[in-house]
């Protein structure tokens, strides 16, 4: 909520209508340097199944 309402300065009605992918894109979640890929997560899940 702090990111959406304070940092991005979204109106509350706009913030609450966003889907999670929309909010993630607005927050830069799809462009994070160093983020691991889906394939890397799947390899880690196989290696560490707990």
Protein backbone atom coordinates (compact mmCIF):
# COMPACT_ATOMS: atom_id res chain seq x y z
CA UNK A 1 0.00 0.00 0.00
CA UNK A 2 2.84 2.38 0.79
CA UNK A 3 4.36 1.83 -2.64
CA UNK A 4 1.08 2.25 -4.49
CA UNK A 5 -0.42 5.11 -2.54
CA UNK A 6 2.64 7.05 -1.39
CA UNK A 7 5.48 6.39 -3.81
CA UNK A 8 3.44 5.90 -7.00
CA UNK A 9 0.82 8.41 -5.79
CA UNK A 10 -2.09 6.37 -7.08
CA UNK A 11 -5.57 7.35 -6.06
CA UNK A 12 -7.04 4.76 -3.66
CA UNK A 13 -9.79 3.78 -6.12
CA UNK A 14 -7.18 3.22 -8.84
CA UNK A 15 -4.89 1.29 -6.50
CA UNK A 16 -7.62 -1.12 -5.38
CA UNK A 17 -8.76 -1.81 -8.96
CA UNK A 18 -5.31 -2.86 -10.18
CA UNK A 19 -4.63 -6.52 -10.84
CA UNK A 20 -1.48 -7.96 -9.31
CA UNK A 21 0.33 -8.10 -12.71
CA UNK A 22 -0.60 -4.46 -13.37
CA UNK A 23 0.69 -3.35 -9.99
CA UNK A 24 3.86 -5.40 -10.41
CA UNK A 25 4.52 -3.77 -13.79
CA UNK A 26 3.95 -0.29 -12.36
CA UNK A 27 6.31 -1.04 -9.49
CA UNK A 28 9.02 -2.20 -11.89
CA UNK A 29 8.75 -5.83 -10.84
CA UNK A 30 9.25 -7.15 -14.33
CA UNK A 31 12.46 -5.20 -14.85
CA UNK A 32 14.44 -6.03 -11.73
CA UNK A 33 18.10 -6.66 -12.46
CA UNK A 34 19.32 -9.78 -10.77
CA UNK A 35 15.88 -11.37 -10.52
CA UNK A 36 15.95 -15.10 -11.17
CA UNK A 37 14.05 -16.63 -14.05
CA UNK A 38 11.26 -19.17 -13.82
CA UNK A 39 13.63 -21.87 -15.13
CA UNK A 40 16.09 -21.07 -12.33
CA UNK A 41 13.34 -21.36 -9.74
CA UNK A 42 12.29 -24.73 -11.15
CA UNK A 43 15.91 -25.99 -11.07
CA UNK A 44 16.22 -24.89 -7.45
CA UNK A 45 12.94 -26.64 -6.59
CA UNK A 46 14.29 -29.87 -8.03
CA UNK A 47 17.60 -29.49 -6.23
CA UNK A 48 16.06 -28.47 -2.89
CA UNK A 49 12.65 -30.20 -2.79
CA UNK A 50 11.84 -29.30 0.80
